Amino acid sequence: MKTVIVKSGQTLLDIALQEKGSIEAIEEIAALNGLSITDELSAGMELTLPASAWNKLIENYCKNNDVSPATALTDDNMYDLWKGGIGYMVVGVDFKIG
């Protein structure tokens, strides 16, 4: 069976998209590794991947273009969200649409 090493900030959803080309593979990957689909992953974890194919076009795009989605909020990327952005605003409180 094929395995993958988790990178910093990756979730099971990211791994499913990167390795199988579809978020629908998340349940199969989680079950195969004894995880819940919401479990947090640690960088360096090794996950076993199912043999089933999902979306080869997306899977191949990620591999051929070295794309590794990493959508989990971590201490490393949380600062990046705040340093260059506006933080958050609330419609009707901070600004009005009209």
N, C-alpha and C. Protein backbone atom coordinates (compact mmCIF):
# COMPACT_ATOMS: atom_id res chain seq x y z
N MET A 1 0.83 -1.19 0.00
CA MET A 1 0.00 0.00 0.00
C MET A 1 0.87 1.25 0.00
N LYS A 2 0.36 2.27 -0.61
CA LYS A 2 1.06 3.54 -0.69
C LYS A 2 0.86 4.34 0.60
N THR A 3 1.88 5.10 0.98
CA THR A 3 1.77 5.96 2.15
C THR A 3 2.13 7.40 1.75
N VAL A 4 1.77 8.32 2.62
CA VAL A 4 2.10 9.73 2.42
C VAL A 4 2.53 10.30 3.77
N ILE A 5 3.46 11.23 3.74
CA ILE A 5 3.90 11.92 4.94
C ILE A 5 3.17 13.27 5.00
N VAL A 6 2.53 13.53 6.12
CA VAL A 6 1.76 14.76 6.31
C VAL A 6 2.71 15.95 6.46
N LYS A 7 2.38 17.03 5.76
CA LYS A 7 3.14 18.28 5.87
C LYS A 7 2.46 19.21 6.87
N SER A 8 3.20 20.18 7.35
CA SER A 8 2.67 21.14 8.32
C SER A 8 1.40 21.80 7.78
N GLY A 9 0.37 21.84 8.61
CA GLY A 9 -0.87 22.50 8.25
C GLY A 9 -1.84 21.68 7.43
N GLN A 10 -1.51 20.42 7.18
CA GLN A 10 -2.41 19.60 6.38
C GLN A 10 -3.46 18.90 7.24
N THR A 11 -4.64 18.77 6.66
CA THR A 11 -5.76 18.06 7.26
C THR A 11 -6.02 16.80 6.44
N LEU A 12 -6.89 15.95 6.93
CA LEU A 12 -7.27 14.77 6.15
C LEU A 12 -7.93 15.20 4.84
N LEU A 13 -8.67 16.28 4.87
CA LEU A 13 -9.29 16.80 3.66
C LEU A 13 -8.22 17.17 2.63
N ASP A 14 -7.15 17.83 3.08
CA ASP A 14 -6.05 18.19 2.19
C ASP A 14 -5.39 16.96 1.58
N ILE A 15 -5.17 15.95 2.42
CA ILE A 15 -4.54 14.70 1.95
C ILE A 15 -5.43 14.01 0.93
N ALA A 16 -6.73 13.97 1.21
CA ALA A 16 -7.66 13.33 0.27
C ALA A 16 -7.61 14.02 -1.09
N LEU A 17 -7.59 15.34 -1.09
CA LEU A 17 -7.54 16.08 -2.35
C LEU A 17 -6.20 15.88 -3.05
N GLN A 18 -5.12 15.99 -2.31
CA GLN A 18 -3.77 15.86 -2.87
C GLN A 18 -3.49 14.47 -3.42
N GLU A 19 -3.87 13.45 -2.67
CA GLU A 19 -3.49 12.09 -3.03
C GLU A 19 -4.53 11.31 -3.83
N LYS A 20 -5.80 11.69 -3.70
CA LYS A 20 -6.86 10.96 -4.39
C LYS A 20 -7.69 11.85 -5.30
N GLY A 21 -7.42 13.17 -5.27
CA GLY A 21 -8.09 14.08 -6.19
C GLY A 21 -9.52 14.39 -5.83
N SER A 22 -9.97 14.00 -4.63
CA SER A 22 -11.35 14.24 -4.24
C SER A 22 -11.48 14.23 -2.73
N ILE A 23 -12.28 15.15 -2.22
CA ILE A 23 -12.50 15.16 -0.78
C ILE A 23 -13.34 13.97 -0.35
N GLU A 24 -14.00 13.32 -1.30
CA GLU A 24 -14.81 12.15 -0.97
C GLU A 24 -13.98 10.98 -0.46
N ALA A 25 -12.68 11.01 -0.69
CA ALA A 25 -11.80 9.94 -0.22
C ALA A 25 -11.46 10.06 1.26
N ILE A 26 -11.88 11.15 1.89
CA ILE A 26 -11.52 11.42 3.28
C ILE A 26 -11.96 10.30 4.22
N GLU A 27 -13.17 9.79 4.04
CA GLU A 27 -13.67 8.75 4.95
C GLU A 27 -12.87 7.46 4.83
N GLU A 28 -12.50 7.11 3.62
CA GLU A 28 -11.73 5.88 3.40
C GLU A 28 -10.32 6.02 3.99
N ILE A 29 -9.71 7.17 3.81
CA ILE A 29 -8.37 7.42 4.37
C ILE A 29 -8.43 7.40 5.89
N ALA A 30 -9.42 8.07 6.46
CA ALA A 30 -9.57 8.10 7.93
C ALA A 30 -9.75 6.69 8.49
N ALA A 31 -10.65 5.93 7.90
CA ALA A 31 -10.92 4.57 8.39
C ALA A 31 -9.68 3.68 8.29
N LEU A 32 -8.96 3.80 7.21
CA LEU A 32 -7.76 2.98 6.99
C LEU A 32 -6.67 3.28 8.02
N ASN A 33 -6.68 4.51 8.55
CA ASN A 33 -5.65 4.93 9.51
C ASN A 33 -6.16 5.03 10.94
N GLY A 34 -7.39 4.55 11.19
CA GLY A 34 -7.94 4.59 12.54
C GLY A 34 -8.18 5.99 13.05
N LEU A 35 -8.56 6.89 12.16
CA LEU A 35 -8.77 8.29 12.52
C LEU A 35 -10.21 8.70 12.28
N SER A 36 -10.59 9.79 12.91
CA SER A 36 -11.86 10.44 12.60
C SER A 36 -11.56 11.48 11.52
N ILE A 37 -12.56 11.83 10.70
CA ILE A 37 -12.30 12.80 9.63
C ILE A 37 -11.96 14.19 10.17
N THR A 38 -12.23 14.43 11.45
CA THR A 38 -11.92 15.73 12.05
C THR A 38 -10.65 15.74 12.90
N ASP A 39 -9.97 14.59 12.98
CA ASP A 39 -8.74 14.54 13.78
C ASP A 39 -7.68 15.48 13.21
N GLU A 40 -6.94 16.10 14.14
CA GLU A 40 -5.83 16.94 13.72
C GLU A 40 -4.64 16.05 13.39
N LEU A 41 -3.93 16.41 12.33
CA LEU A 41 -2.74 15.67 11.92
C LEU A 41 -1.50 16.43 12.34
N SER A 42 -0.43 15.70 12.56
CA SER A 42 0.85 16.30 12.90
C SER A 42 1.79 16.16 11.72
N ALA A 43 2.59 17.19 11.49
CA ALA A 43 3.59 17.12 10.43
C ALA A 43 4.49 15.92 10.70
N GLY A 44 4.76 15.16 9.66
CA GLY A 44 5.61 13.99 9.78
C GLY A 44 4.86 12.68 9.96
N MET A 45 3.56 12.78 10.26
CA MET A 45 2.74 11.56 10.38
C MET A 45 2.75 10.82 9.05
N GLU A 46 2.78 9.51 9.12
CA GLU A 46 2.69 8.70 7.91
C GLU A 46 1.30 8.09 7.83
N LEU A 47 0.61 8.34 6.72
CA LEU A 47 -0.72 7.82 6.52
C LEU A 47 -0.72 6.80 5.40
N THR A 48 -1.46 5.71 5.61
CA THR A 48 -1.64 4.71 4.57
C THR A 48 -2.81 5.16 3.69
N LEU A 49 -2.64 5.02 2.40
CA LEU A 49 -3.66 5.46 1.44
C LEU A 49 -4.37 4.26 0.83
N PRO A 50 -5.65 4.41 0.56
CA PRO A 50 -6.38 3.33 -0.10
C PRO A 50 -5.95 3.20 -1.55
N ALA A 51 -6.15 2.04 -2.12
CA ALA A 51 -5.77 1.80 -3.51
C ALA A 51 -6.78 2.39 -4.48
N SER A 52 -7.99 2.66 -4.00
CA SER A 52 -9.05 3.14 -4.89
C SER A 52 -8.69 4.47 -5.54
N ALA A 53 -9.15 4.63 -6.76
CA ALA A 53 -8.94 5.86 -7.51
C ALA A 53 -10.19 6.73 -7.40
N TRP A 54 -10.02 8.03 -7.34
CA TRP A 54 -11.15 8.95 -7.27
C TRP A 54 -11.14 9.85 -8.49
N ASN A 55 -10.32 10.89 -8.45
CA ASN A 55 -10.25 11.82 -9.56
C ASN A 55 -8.78 11.94 -9.99
N LYS A 56 -8.41 11.15 -10.99
CA LYS A 56 -7.01 11.10 -11.43
C LYS A 56 -6.54 12.45 -11.98
N LEU A 57 -7.42 13.24 -12.58
CA LEU A 57 -7.04 14.53 -13.12
C LEU A 57 -6.51 15.46 -12.03
N ILE A 58 -7.25 15.56 -10.93
CA ILE A 58 -6.83 16.41 -9.81
C ILE A 58 -5.61 15.80 -9.11
N GLU A 59 -5.65 14.50 -8.90
CA GLU A 59 -4.51 13.80 -8.26
C GLU A 59 -3.22 14.06 -9.04
N ASN A 60 -3.28 13.88 -10.36
CA ASN A 60 -2.10 14.10 -11.20
C ASN A 60 -1.67 15.55 -11.22
N TYR A 61 -2.63 16.48 -11.21
CA TYR A 61 -2.29 17.90 -11.17
C TYR A 61 -1.48 18.21 -9.91
N CYS A 62 -1.94 17.72 -8.77
CA CYS A 62 -1.23 17.96 -7.51
C CYS A 62 0.18 17.39 -7.57
N LYS A 63 0.31 16.18 -8.07
CA LYS A 63 1.64 15.55 -8.15
C LYS A 63 2.56 16.26 -9.15
N ASN A 64 2.05 16.56 -10.33
CA ASN A 64 2.87 17.16 -11.39
C ASN A 64 3.27 18.60 -11.10
N ASN A 65 2.49 19.29 -10.28
CA ASN A 65 2.76 20.69 -9.98
C ASN A 65 3.20 20.92 -8.54
N ASP A 66 3.54 19.85 -7.85
CA ASP A 66 4.00 19.91 -6.46
C ASP A 66 3.04 20.71 -5.58
N VAL A 67 1.74 20.42 -5.73
CA VAL A 67 0.70 21.10 -4.95
C VAL A 67 0.40 20.27 -3.71
N SER A 68 0.53 20.88 -2.55
CA SER A 68 0.22 20.23 -1.28
C SER A 68 -0.69 21.14 -0.47
N PRO A 69 -2.01 20.99 -0.62
CA PRO A 69 -2.92 21.84 0.14
C PRO A 69 -2.65 21.72 1.64
N ALA A 70 -2.72 22.84 2.34
CA ALA A 70 -2.53 22.86 3.79
C ALA A 70 -3.45 23.92 4.37
N THR A 71 -4.66 23.51 4.75
CA THR A 71 -5.67 24.46 5.15
C THR A 71 -5.88 24.57 6.65
N ALA A 72 -5.19 23.78 7.45
CA ALA A 72 -5.36 23.85 8.91
C ALA A 72 -4.73 25.13 9.44
N LEU A 73 -5.40 25.75 10.40
CA LEU A 73 -4.82 26.91 11.04
C LEU A 73 -3.80 26.44 12.07
N THR A 74 -2.59 26.94 11.94
CA THR A 74 -1.51 26.60 12.87
C THR A 74 -0.94 27.89 13.42
N ASP A 75 -0.11 27.79 14.43
CA ASP A 75 0.55 28.99 14.96
C ASP A 75 1.36 29.68 13.87
N ASP A 76 1.93 28.89 12.96
CA ASP A 76 2.75 29.46 11.89
C ASP A 76 1.93 30.28 10.91
N ASN A 77 0.80 29.76 10.46
CA ASN A 77 0.05 30.49 9.45
C ASN A 77 -1.01 31.41 10.02
N MET A 78 -1.35 31.29 11.29
CA MET A 78 -2.33 32.18 11.90
C MET A 78 -1.81 33.62 11.89
N TYR A 79 -0.52 33.82 12.17
CA TYR A 79 0.07 35.16 12.15
C TYR A 79 -0.02 35.76 10.75
N ASP A 80 0.20 34.94 9.72
CA ASP A 80 0.14 35.45 8.35
C ASP A 80 -1.25 35.98 8.02
N LEU A 81 -2.29 35.38 8.58
CA LEU A 81 -3.64 35.84 8.32
C LEU A 81 -3.87 37.24 8.89
N TRP A 82 -3.27 37.52 10.02
CA TRP A 82 -3.52 38.79 10.69
C TRP A 82 -2.58 39.90 10.25
N LYS A 83 -1.33 39.59 9.93
CA LYS A 83 -0.36 40.65 9.66
C LYS A 83 -0.64 41.43 8.38
N GLY A 84 -1.24 40.78 7.39
CA GLY A 84 -1.45 41.48 6.14
C GLY A 84 -2.90 41.77 5.84
N GLY A 85 -3.79 41.38 6.73
CA GLY A 85 -5.20 41.54 6.43
C GLY A 85 -5.88 42.49 7.38
N ILE A 86 -7.17 42.54 7.26
CA ILE A 86 -7.96 43.44 8.09
C ILE A 86 -8.51 42.73 9.32
N GLY A 87 -8.15 41.47 9.50
CA GLY A 87 -8.71 40.72 10.61
C GLY A 87 -10.11 40.29 10.24
N TYR A 88 -11.08 40.85 10.89
CA TYR A 88 -12.45 40.53 10.51
C TYR A 88 -13.31 41.77 10.70
N MET A 89 -14.37 41.82 9.96
CA MET A 89 -15.34 42.92 10.06
C MET A 89 -16.73 42.29 10.04
N VAL A 90 -17.67 43.00 10.60
CA VAL A 90 -19.03 42.50 10.68
C VAL A 90 -19.92 43.44 9.87
N VAL A 91 -20.66 42.84 8.93
CA VAL A 91 -21.59 43.62 8.13
C VAL A 91 -22.65 44.22 9.06
N GLY A 92 -22.92 45.50 8.90
CA GLY A 92 -23.92 46.18 9.73
C GLY A 92 -23.36 46.76 10.99
N VAL A 93 -22.15 46.35 11.37
CA VAL A 93 -21.49 46.91 12.56
C VAL A 93 -20.31 47.76 12.14
N ASP A 94 -19.36 47.14 11.41
CA ASP A 94 -18.16 47.84 10.97
C ASP A 94 -18.36 48.61 9.67
N PHE A 95 -19.27 48.17 8.86
CA PHE A 95 -19.60 48.88 7.63
C PHE A 95 -21.02 48.55 7.21
N LYS A 96 -21.57 49.44 6.44
CA LYS A 96 -22.96 49.25 6.01
C LYS A 96 -23.03 49.08 4.51
N ILE A 97 -23.92 48.26 4.06
CA ILE A 97 -24.16 48.07 2.64
C ILE A 97 -25.49 48.74 2.32
N GLY A 98 -25.46 49.58 1.33
CA GLY A 98 -26.73 50.26 1.05
C GLY A 98 -26.73 51.04 -0.22
